[in-house]
Every structure is written in C-alpha cells, then in structure tokens.
Amino acid sequence: MNQRQPEPEHRPSSPRRGKDGDGAERHEAIYRSISDAIIEHRLKPGARLREDALSEVFGVSRTGIRKILQRLALEQLVTLTPRRGASVTRPTADEAKDVFDARQMVECGLMPEVARRLTTEEAGELRLLSEREQRAVKEGEHSAGIRLSAEFHTRLARVSGNATLADFVERLCFRSSLILAVYGHPAHLGCETHDHDALIACLEAGEGETAAALMSQHLKAVEATLSMVEEEEEAPDLQAIFAS
C-alpha cells in the first residue's frame, strides 16, 4: 500500500534538471507554451521543431515531446513529416481561403443564437477582452493582440452553448493565426478591434442577424489584408523563444 508515494515530491522542479518531469500537468504546460508561441508568431510557419532541442529546452524526455507534437499535429498547428520531423504548419493559399470560408459559415451562423443567449456578465467579459486586445495593439504587442483576438472569437462562439462548434471555431482561429503569419501584412495582423466593440453592442441589443452581417464583414476585412506571397523557412532559436 505504501509504495514510494512521496517520491515525486523530491524530484527537481527545474525544467533543466533531467527528464523526470513528464507528468500530465507538465505536458499540458509545455503544450500551451508551444501552441502560444505558434499562435503569437514567435514560432513562424515552416520552423523546424526538433525533438532533441525541445527536450533540452523543457527538460522532459523526447518521448514526452513526441506526444505533445502529435497532439499539436492533430490540431493542425504542427506538421509531422517522415525523416524530417516536426515543423510549424505552413498553410497554402487554398487552405487559407478554406479556413476563412469555414469561419464565415460557422461564426456568422452562430451569431443569432449568441444574441439570444448573451448575458450582461458575458458581454462585460467580452468587452474587457476587447479592451485588452486594443491595448496590446496600441502598445505594439502584435503577438499578444493576435492571441487575444483568437480568444475573443472563441469566447464569443462558446456563448452559443454549442461546445462542438466552439471547439471548431477555436481551431479555425489557430489556423488563422498561422495564415496571418505567412500572408499577413505587419501593419494589419489580426482584427480591427473596434469591430469587436460594435459586434458586442449588436449582440447586447439582441440583433442576431445584424451581428451575423457584421461578423461577415469583419472576417472579409481580415482576409482582404492577406498577400499570398510565400516566405522562406527559418531555424528558430528555441532557447530564446521559451526562456523563462
């Protein structure tokens, strides 16, 4: 019954002290670190993600890193290629169009239900999120702005009560971040934040159809900023990106 239960408590807490920190919580934290770095454009599309380098950076086994990369691949944030390994997914121009077409269908379609369900508390939370996004953009923190924009759209979808579609919107927003990293213009990375405020006002007034039209216009405006020009791949400095 008493089989070495205290042992994990005596393991080193530092991520650079061996490969023993392969618990579920640690894996989740590493997953979030890598996915955030991709969404915020600190890891660029096409960048190679070497298992040995990530293992060294995070202090976990290559087996643990491989599982995390496989999870990111299922979410289409990472591409796994035989004999080449993992790299940040680089969407094609056709894939970019498909993603924004999907967002038009799903997000616009959810707006009438969101308008029916939105509470005062939820509207306040969305407005605070929009304010954080605007502040990040004004302060030149474009990576944070992109992440907050994705969070805004995902949170909005969750108000609909349809968890399956909200999860799909979240994945589409992640893909949109990759698309912006490849094809976006530095001066137009992400959403026009005042659109989010107008959208909240529409939804608070219960104007679901108007909100759907506004969402459609909003997504088209983001898509219109894209320039379908390929970039060269680069080798990321993983130590610098994930330094604590």
C-alpha atoms as a PDB file:
ATOM      1  CA  MET A   1       0.000   0.000   0.000  1.00  0.00           C
ATOM      2  CA  ASN A   2       2.864   2.400   0.830  1.00  0.00           C
ATOM      3  CA  GLN A   3       4.783   2.182  -2.443  1.00  0.00           C
ATOM      4  CA  ARG A   4       7.090   5.195  -2.861  1.00  0.00           C
ATOM      5  CA  GLN A   5       4.209   7.665  -2.960  1.00  0.00           C
ATOM      6  CA  PRO A   6       6.310  10.643  -1.768  1.00  0.00           C
ATOM      7  CA  GLU A   7       8.991  10.164  -4.430  1.00  0.00           C
ATOM      8  CA  PRO A   8       7.619  12.662  -6.999  1.00  0.00           C
ATOM      9  CA  GLU A   9       7.778  15.406  -4.360  1.00  0.00           C
ATOM     10  CA  HIS A  10      11.576  15.027  -4.165  1.00  0.00           C
ATOM     11  CA  ARG A  11      12.166  15.376  -7.877  1.00  0.00           C
ATOM     12  CA  PRO A  12      13.810  18.599  -9.040  1.00  0.00           C
ATOM     13  CA  SER A  13      11.347  21.310 -10.006  1.00  0.00           C
ATOM     14  CA  SER A  14      13.672  22.981 -12.519  1.00  0.00           C
ATOM     15  CA  PRO A  15      12.866  22.095 -16.176  1.00  0.00           C
ATOM     16  CA  ARG A  16      16.585  21.791 -16.928  1.00  0.00           C
ATOM     17  CA  ARG A  17      17.407  19.116 -14.330  1.00  0.00           C
ATOM     18  CA  GLY A  18      16.957  15.917 -16.290  1.00  0.00           C
ATOM     19  CA  LYS A  19      13.983  14.282 -17.965  1.00  0.00           C
ATOM     20  CA  ASP A  20      11.859  13.254 -14.966  1.00  0.00           C
ATOM     21  CA  GLY A  21       9.184  15.923 -15.209  1.00  0.00           C
ATOM     22  CA  ASP A  22       6.993  14.003 -17.683  1.00  0.00           C
ATOM     23  CA  GLY A  23       3.716  14.228 -15.758  1.00  0.00           C
ATOM     24  CA  ALA A  24       0.371  15.168 -17.298  1.00  0.00           C
ATOM     25  CA  GLU A  25       0.412  18.694 -15.855  1.00  0.00           C
ATOM     26  CA  ARG A  26       3.918  19.290 -17.153  1.00  0.00           C
ATOM     27  CA  HIS A  27       2.932  18.067 -20.620  1.00  0.00           C
ATOM     28  CA  GLU A  28      -0.084  20.378 -20.626  1.00  0.00           C
ATOM     29  CA  ALA A  29       2.102  23.362 -19.685  1.00  0.00           C
ATOM     30  CA  ILE A  30       4.568  22.540 -22.481  1.00  0.00           C
ATOM     31  CA  TYR A  31       1.722  22.094 -24.948  1.00  0.00           C
ATOM     32  CA  ARG A  32       0.387  25.539 -24.020  1.00  0.00           C
ATOM     33  CA  SER A  33       3.862  27.087 -24.291  1.00  0.00           C
ATOM     34  CA  ILE A  34       4.405  25.736 -27.794  1.00  0.00           C
ATOM     35  CA  SER A  35       0.892  26.450 -29.051  1.00  0.00           C
ATOM     36  CA  ASP A  36       1.045  30.015 -27.665  1.00  0.00           C
ATOM     37  CA  ALA A  37       4.407  30.541 -29.373  1.00  0.00           C
ATOM     38  CA  ILE A  38       2.856  29.429 -32.671  1.00  0.00           C
ATOM     39  CA  ILE A  39      -0.311  31.496 -32.288  1.00  0.00           C
ATOM     40  CA  GLU A  40       1.670  34.585 -31.262  1.00  0.00           C
ATOM     41  CA  HIS A  41       4.076  34.153 -34.217  1.00  0.00           C
ATOM     42  CA  ARG A  42       7.160  33.653 -32.070  1.00  0.00           C
ATOM     43  CA  LEU A  43       7.447  30.337 -33.869  1.00  0.00           C
ATOM     44  CA  LYS A  44       6.975  31.012 -37.575  1.00  0.00           C
ATOM     45  CA  PRO A  45       5.258  28.684 -40.060  1.00  0.00           C
ATOM     46  CA  GLY A  46       7.781  26.279 -41.525  1.00  0.00           C
ATOM     47  CA  ALA A  47      10.088  26.459 -38.484  1.00  0.00           C
ATOM     48  CA  ARG A  48      11.517  23.051 -37.566  1.00  0.00           C
ATOM     49  CA  LEU A  49      10.723  21.690 -34.106  1.00  0.00           C
ATOM     50  CA  ARG A  50      13.497  19.238 -33.258  1.00  0.00           C
ATOM     51  CA  GLU A  51      12.578  16.759 -30.549  1.00  0.00           C
ATOM     52  CA  ASP A  52      16.055  16.767 -29.018  1.00  0.00           C
ATOM     53  CA  ALA A  53      16.164  20.563 -28.839  1.00  0.00           C
ATOM     54  CA  LEU A  54      12.683  20.815 -27.296  1.00  0.00           C
ATOM     55  CA  SER A  55      13.575  18.035 -24.867  1.00  0.00           C
ATOM     56  CA  GLU A  56      16.584  20.044 -23.726  1.00  0.00           C
ATOM     57  CA  VAL A  57      14.656  23.323 -23.511  1.00  0.00           C
ATOM     58  CA  PHE A  58      11.791  21.905 -21.428  1.00  0.00           C
ATOM     59  CA  GLY A  59      13.691  19.220 -19.523  1.00  0.00           C
ATOM     60  CA  VAL A  60      11.400  16.322 -20.454  1.00  0.00           C
ATOM     61  CA  SER A  61      12.002  13.150 -22.429  1.00  0.00           C
ATOM     62  CA  ARG A  62      11.897  13.011 -26.217  1.00  0.00           C
ATOM     63  CA  THR A  63       9.015  10.559 -25.849  1.00  0.00           C
ATOM     64  CA  GLY A  64       7.055  13.213 -23.961  1.00  0.00           C
ATOM     65  CA  ILE A  65       7.884  15.861 -26.564  1.00  0.00           C
ATOM     66  CA  ARG A  66       6.832  13.485 -29.343  1.00  0.00           C
ATOM     67  CA  LYS A  67       3.401  13.032 -27.731  1.00  0.00           C
ATOM     68  CA  ILE A  68       2.959  16.791 -27.452  1.00  0.00           C
ATOM     69  CA  LEU A  69       3.943  17.306 -31.098  1.00  0.00           C
ATOM     70  CA  GLN A  70       1.482  14.604 -32.132  1.00  0.00           C
ATOM     71  CA  ARG A  71      -1.280  16.436 -30.250  1.00  0.00           C
ATOM     72  CA  LEU A  72      -0.345  19.704 -31.978  1.00  0.00           C
ATOM     73  CA  ALA A  73      -0.364  17.860 -35.311  1.00  0.00           C
ATOM     74  CA  LEU A  74      -3.932  16.687 -34.671  1.00  0.00           C
ATOM     75  CA  GLU A  75      -4.867  20.341 -34.231  1.00  0.00           C
ATOM     76  CA  GLN A  76      -3.020  21.177 -37.471  1.00  0.00           C
ATOM     77  CA  LEU A  77      -0.639  23.570 -35.756  1.00  0.00           C
ATOM     78  CA  VAL A  78       2.288  21.240 -36.462  1.00  0.00           C
ATOM     79  CA  THR A  79       3.111  19.067 -39.481  1.00  0.00           C
ATOM     80  CA  LEU A  80       4.897  15.732 -38.987  1.00  0.00           C
ATOM     81  CA  THR A  81       6.965  14.569 -41.964  1.00  0.00           C
ATOM     82  CA  PRO A  82       8.765  11.188 -42.176  1.00  0.00           C
ATOM     83  CA  ARG A  83      12.554  11.523 -41.847  1.00  0.00           C
ATOM     84  CA  ARG A  84      12.246  15.293 -41.475  1.00  0.00           C
ATOM     85  CA  GLY A  85      10.394  15.503 -38.193  1.00  0.00           C
ATOM     86  CA  ALA A  86       8.055  18.219 -36.968  1.00  0.00           C
ATOM     87  CA  SER A  87       7.636  21.764 -38.201  1.00  0.00           C
ATOM     88  CA  VAL A  88       5.132  24.549 -37.647  1.00  0.00           C
ATOM     89  CA  THR A  89       2.379  24.137 -40.232  1.00  0.00           C
ATOM     90  CA  ARG A  90       2.611  26.419 -43.263  1.00  0.00           C
ATOM     91  CA  PRO A  91      -0.887  26.825 -44.748  1.00  0.00           C
ATOM     92  CA  THR A  92      -1.198  27.076 -48.531  1.00  0.00           C
ATOM     93  CA  ALA A  93      -3.177  29.844 -50.231  1.00  0.00           C
ATOM     94  CA  ASP A  94      -6.023  27.380 -50.909  1.00  0.00           C
ATOM     95  CA  GLU A  95      -6.069  26.311 -47.273  1.00  0.00           C
ATOM     96  CA  ALA A  96      -6.181  29.960 -46.220  1.00  0.00           C
ATOM     97  CA  LYS A  97      -9.275  30.535 -48.328  1.00  0.00           C
ATOM     98  CA  ASP A  98     -10.898  27.373 -46.975  1.00  0.00           C
ATOM     99  CA  VAL A  99     -10.290  28.477 -43.382  1.00  0.00           C
ATOM    100  CA  PHE A 100     -11.891  31.881 -43.883  1.00  0.00           C
ATOM    101  CA  ASP A 101     -14.800  30.344 -45.812  1.00  0.00           C
ATOM    102  CA  ALA A 102     -15.349  27.976 -42.867  1.00  0.00           C
ATOM    103  CA  ARG A 103     -15.222  30.837 -40.407  1.00  0.00           C
ATOM    104  CA  GLN A 104     -17.822  32.714 -42.449  1.00  0.00           C
ATOM    105  CA  MET A 105     -20.192  29.764 -42.320  1.00  0.00           C
ATOM    106  CA  VAL A 106     -19.695  28.821 -38.676  1.00  0.00           C
ATOM    107  CA  GLU A 107     -19.138  32.104 -36.851  1.00  0.00           C
ATOM    108  CA  CYS A 108     -21.769  34.058 -38.755  1.00  0.00           C
ATOM    109  CA  GLY A 109     -24.214  31.191 -38.312  1.00  0.00           C
ATOM    110  CA  LEU A 110     -23.723  31.250 -34.544  1.00  0.00           C
ATOM    111  CA  MET A 111     -24.494  34.943 -34.099  1.00  0.00           C
ATOM    112  CA  PRO A 112     -28.325  34.713 -33.824  1.00  0.00           C
ATOM    113  CA  GLU A 113     -28.009  32.103 -31.051  1.00  0.00           C
ATOM    114  CA  VAL A 114     -25.295  34.130 -29.317  1.00  0.00           C
ATOM    115  CA  ALA A 115     -27.590  37.167 -29.405  1.00  0.00           C
ATOM    116  CA  ARG A 116     -30.360  35.146 -27.742  1.00  0.00           C
ATOM    117  CA  ARG A 117     -28.095  33.744 -25.032  1.00  0.00           C
ATOM    118  CA  LEU A 118     -25.663  36.567 -24.231  1.00  0.00           C
ATOM    119  CA  THR A 119     -25.861  37.695 -20.612  1.00  0.00           C
ATOM    120  CA  THR A 120     -24.800  41.038 -19.190  1.00  0.00           C
ATOM    121  CA  GLU A 121     -21.921  39.328 -17.412  1.00  0.00           C
ATOM    122  CA  GLU A 122     -20.716  37.635 -20.614  1.00  0.00           C
ATOM    123  CA  ALA A 123     -20.947  40.899 -22.542  1.00  0.00           C
ATOM    124  CA  GLY A 124     -18.807  42.549 -19.876  1.00  0.00           C
ATOM    125  CA  GLU A 125     -16.201  39.796 -20.109  1.00  0.00           C
ATOM    126  CA  LEU A 126     -16.090  40.113 -23.893  1.00  0.00           C
ATOM    127  CA  ARG A 127     -15.725  43.881 -23.631  1.00  0.00           C
ATOM    128  CA  LEU A 128     -12.808  43.532 -21.213  1.00  0.00           C
ATOM    129  CA  LEU A 129     -11.176  41.062 -23.587  1.00  0.00           C
ATOM    130  CA  SER A 130     -11.639  43.511 -26.443  1.00  0.00           C
ATOM    131  CA  GLU A 131     -10.104  46.295 -24.351  1.00  0.00           C
ATOM    132  CA  ARG A 132      -7.063  44.116 -23.603  1.00  0.00           C
ATOM    133  CA  GLU A 133      -6.717  43.406 -27.310  1.00  0.00           C
ATOM    134  CA  GLN A 134      -6.931  47.113 -28.192  1.00  0.00           C
ATOM    135  CA  ARG A 135      -4.354  47.969 -25.544  1.00  0.00           C
ATOM    136  CA  ALA A 136      -1.963  45.319 -26.858  1.00  0.00           C
ATOM    137  CA  VAL A 137      -2.293  46.621 -30.419  1.00  0.00           C
ATOM    138  CA  LYS A 138      -1.775  50.244 -29.348  1.00  0.00           C
ATOM    139  CA  GLU A 139       1.348  49.279 -27.414  1.00  0.00           C
ATOM    140  CA  GLY A 140       2.764  47.430 -30.405  1.00  0.00           C
ATOM    141  CA  GLU A 141       2.361  43.992 -28.817  1.00  0.00           C
ATOM    142  CA  HIS A 142       1.046  42.419 -32.007  1.00  0.00           C
ATOM    143  CA  SER A 143       1.650  38.830 -30.900  1.00  0.00           C
ATOM    144  CA  ALA A 144      -0.475  39.325 -27.795  1.00  0.00           C
ATOM    145  CA  GLY A 145      -3.101  41.109 -29.890  1.00  0.00           C
ATOM    146  CA  ILE A 146      -3.372  38.138 -32.252  1.00  0.00           C
ATOM    147  CA  ARG A 147      -3.754  35.713 -29.344  1.00  0.00           C
ATOM    148  CA  LEU A 148      -6.393  37.901 -27.689  1.00  0.00           C
ATOM    149  CA  SER A 149      -8.310  38.211 -30.953  1.00  0.00           C
ATOM    150  CA  ALA A 150      -8.427  34.426 -31.259  1.00  0.00           C
ATOM    151  CA  GLU A 151      -9.563  34.215 -27.639  1.00  0.00           C
ATOM    152  CA  PHE A 152     -12.319  36.786 -28.286  1.00  0.00           C
ATOM    153  CA  HIS A 153     -13.753  34.867 -31.241  1.00  0.00           C
ATOM    154  CA  THR A 154     -13.574  31.571 -29.362  1.00  0.00           C
ATOM    155  CA  ARG A 155     -15.225  33.012 -26.247  1.00  0.00           C
ATOM    156  CA  LEU A 156     -17.958  34.514 -28.398  1.00  0.00           C
ATOM    157  CA  ALA A 157     -18.641  31.141 -30.037  1.00  0.00           C
ATOM    158  CA  ARG A 158     -18.885  29.453 -26.630  1.00  0.00           C
ATOM    159  CA  VAL A 159     -21.767  31.768 -25.663  1.00  0.00           C
ATOM    160  CA  SER A 160     -23.853  29.892 -28.269  1.00  0.00           C
ATOM    161  CA  GLY A 161     -23.882  26.848 -25.988  1.00  0.00           C
ATOM    162  CA  ASN A 162     -22.651  24.570 -28.781  1.00  0.00           C
ATOM    163  CA  ALA A 163     -19.348  23.236 -27.456  1.00  0.00           C
ATOM    164  CA  THR A 164     -18.562  21.264 -30.619  1.00  0.00           C
ATOM    165  CA  LEU A 165     -18.836  24.290 -32.884  1.00  0.00           C
ATOM    166  CA  ALA A 166     -16.993  26.464 -30.364  1.00  0.00           C
ATOM    167  CA  ASP A 167     -14.085  23.997 -30.353  1.00  0.00           C
ATOM    168  CA  PHE A 168     -14.109  24.106 -34.147  1.00  0.00           C
ATOM    169  CA  VAL A 169     -14.001  27.919 -34.094  1.00  0.00           C
ATOM    170  CA  GLU A 170     -11.031  27.745 -31.724  1.00  0.00           C
ATOM    171  CA  ARG A 171      -9.133  25.502 -34.150  1.00  0.00           C
ATOM    172  CA  LEU A 172     -10.052  27.767 -37.060  1.00  0.00           C
ATOM    173  CA  CYS A 173      -8.718  30.755 -35.119  1.00  0.00           C
ATOM    174  CA  PHE A 174      -5.443  28.902 -34.512  1.00  0.00           C
ATOM    175  CA  ARG A 175      -5.220  28.205 -38.237  1.00  0.00           C
ATOM    176  CA  SER A 176      -5.999  31.848 -38.972  1.00  0.00           C
ATOM    177  CA  SER A 177      -3.034  32.855 -36.821  1.00  0.00           C
ATOM    178  CA  LEU A 178      -0.755  30.694 -38.976  1.00  0.00           C
ATOM    179  CA  ILE A 179      -2.280  32.197 -42.107  1.00  0.00           C
ATOM    180  CA  LEU A 180      -1.649  35.715 -40.816  1.00  0.00           C
ATOM    181  CA  ALA A 181       1.942  34.766 -40.015  1.00  0.00           C
ATOM    182  CA  VAL A 182       2.528  33.638 -43.608  1.00  0.00           C
ATOM    183  CA  TYR A 183       0.377  36.023 -45.627  1.00  0.00           C
ATOM    184  CA  GLY A 184      -0.465  38.923 -43.309  1.00  0.00           C
ATOM    185  CA  HIS A 185       0.912  42.437 -43.593  1.00  0.00           C
ATOM    186  CA  PRO A 186       2.817  43.651 -40.492  1.00  0.00           C
ATOM    187  CA  ALA A 187       0.533  46.679 -40.239  1.00  0.00           C
ATOM    188  CA  HIS A 188      -2.649  44.565 -40.391  1.00  0.00           C
ATOM    189  CA  LEU A 189      -2.036  41.480 -38.278  1.00  0.00           C
ATOM    190  CA  GLY A 190      -5.388  40.464 -36.855  1.00  0.00           C
ATOM    191  CA  CYS A 191      -8.778  42.036 -36.329  1.00  0.00           C
ATOM    192  CA  GLU A 192      -9.830  45.648 -36.305  1.00  0.00           C
ATOM    193  CA  THR A 193     -10.559  45.899 -32.608  1.00  0.00           C
ATOM    194  CA  HIS A 194     -13.341  48.458 -32.959  1.00  0.00           C
ATOM    195  CA  ASP A 195     -15.255  45.807 -34.953  1.00  0.00           C
ATOM    196  CA  HIS A 196     -15.373  43.687 -31.820  1.00  0.00           C
ATOM    197  CA  ASP A 197     -16.935  46.521 -29.824  1.00  0.00           C
ATOM    198  CA  ALA A 198     -19.596  47.078 -32.493  1.00  0.00           C
ATOM    199  CA  LEU A 199     -20.301  43.354 -32.532  1.00  0.00           C
ATOM    200  CA  ILE A 200     -20.800  43.245 -28.761  1.00  0.00           C
ATOM    201  CA  ALA A 201     -23.209  46.186 -28.943  1.00  0.00           C
ATOM    202  CA  CYS A 202     -25.245  44.434 -31.644  1.00  0.00           C
ATOM    203  CA  LEU A 203     -25.427  41.208 -29.670  1.00  0.00           C
ATOM    204  CA  GLU A 204     -26.406  43.021 -26.463  1.00  0.00           C
ATOM    205  CA  ALA A 205     -29.300  44.578 -28.365  1.00  0.00           C
ATOM    206  CA  GLY A 206     -30.433  41.111 -29.466  1.00  0.00           C
ATOM    207  CA  GLU A 207     -29.827  41.895 -33.133  1.00  0.00           C
ATOM    208  CA  GLY A 208     -28.576  38.473 -34.195  1.00  0.00           C
ATOM    209  CA  GLU A 209     -28.972  38.900 -37.951  1.00  0.00           C
ATOM    210  CA  THR A 210     -27.237  42.279 -37.889  1.00  0.00           C
ATOM    211  CA  ALA A 211     -24.449  40.755 -35.830  1.00  0.00           C
ATOM    212  CA  ALA A 212     -24.092  37.955 -38.407  1.00  0.00           C
ATOM    213  CA  ALA A 213     -23.738  40.535 -41.199  1.00  0.00           C
ATOM    214  CA  LEU A 214     -21.190  42.475 -39.146  1.00  0.00           C
ATOM    215  CA  MET A 215     -19.195  39.323 -38.420  1.00  0.00           C
ATOM    216  CA  SER A 216     -19.177  38.509 -42.146  1.00  0.00           C
ATOM    217  CA  GLN A 217     -17.913  41.988 -42.996  1.00  0.00           C
ATOM    218  CA  HIS A 218     -15.319  41.742 -40.219  1.00  0.00           C
ATOM    219  CA  LEU A 219     -13.901  38.417 -41.442  1.00  0.00           C
ATOM    220  CA  LYS A 220     -13.812  39.618 -45.049  1.00  0.00           C
ATOM    221  CA  ALA A 221     -11.845  42.676 -43.947  1.00  0.00           C
ATOM    222  CA  VAL A 222      -9.230  40.472 -42.243  1.00  0.00           C
ATOM    223  CA  GLU A 223      -8.999  38.195 -45.272  1.00  0.00           C
ATOM    224  CA  ALA A 224      -8.612  41.212 -47.577  1.00  0.00           C
ATOM    225  CA  THR A 225      -5.356  42.178 -45.827  1.00  0.00           C
ATOM    226  CA  LEU A 226      -3.656  38.908 -46.842  1.00  0.00           C
ATOM    227  CA  SER A 227      -0.981  38.844 -49.515  1.00  0.00           C
ATOM    228  CA  MET A 228      -0.351  35.377 -50.916  1.00  0.00           C
ATOM    229  CA  VAL A 229       3.456  35.556 -51.037  1.00  0.00           C
ATOM    230  CA  GLU A 230       5.472  32.639 -49.648  1.00  0.00           C
ATOM    231  CA  GLU A 231       8.194  33.217 -47.064  1.00  0.00           C
ATOM    232  CA  GLU A 232      11.436  31.295 -46.647  1.00  0.00           C
ATOM    233  CA  GLU A 233      11.730  28.838 -43.785  1.00  0.00           C
ATOM    234  CA  GLU A 234      13.872  29.765 -40.815  1.00  0.00           C
ATOM    235  CA  ALA A 235      15.544  27.882 -37.976  1.00  0.00           C
ATOM    236  CA  PRO A 236      14.082  29.155 -34.672  1.00  0.00           C
ATOM    237  CA  ASP A 237      16.160  29.829 -31.560  1.00  0.00           C
ATOM    238  CA  LEU A 238      14.178  27.596 -29.201  1.00  0.00           C
ATOM    239  CA  GLN A 239      16.201  28.586 -26.147  1.00  0.00           C
ATOM    240  CA  ALA A 240      15.377  32.262 -26.705  1.00  0.00           C
ATOM    241  CA  ILE A 241      11.694  31.652 -27.511  1.00  0.00           C
ATOM    242  CA  PHE A 242      10.975  29.548 -24.424  1.00  0.00           C
ATOM    243  CA  ALA A 243      13.355  31.234 -21.973  1.00  0.00           C
ATOM    244  CA  SER A 244      11.572  31.868 -18.689  1.00  0.00           C
END
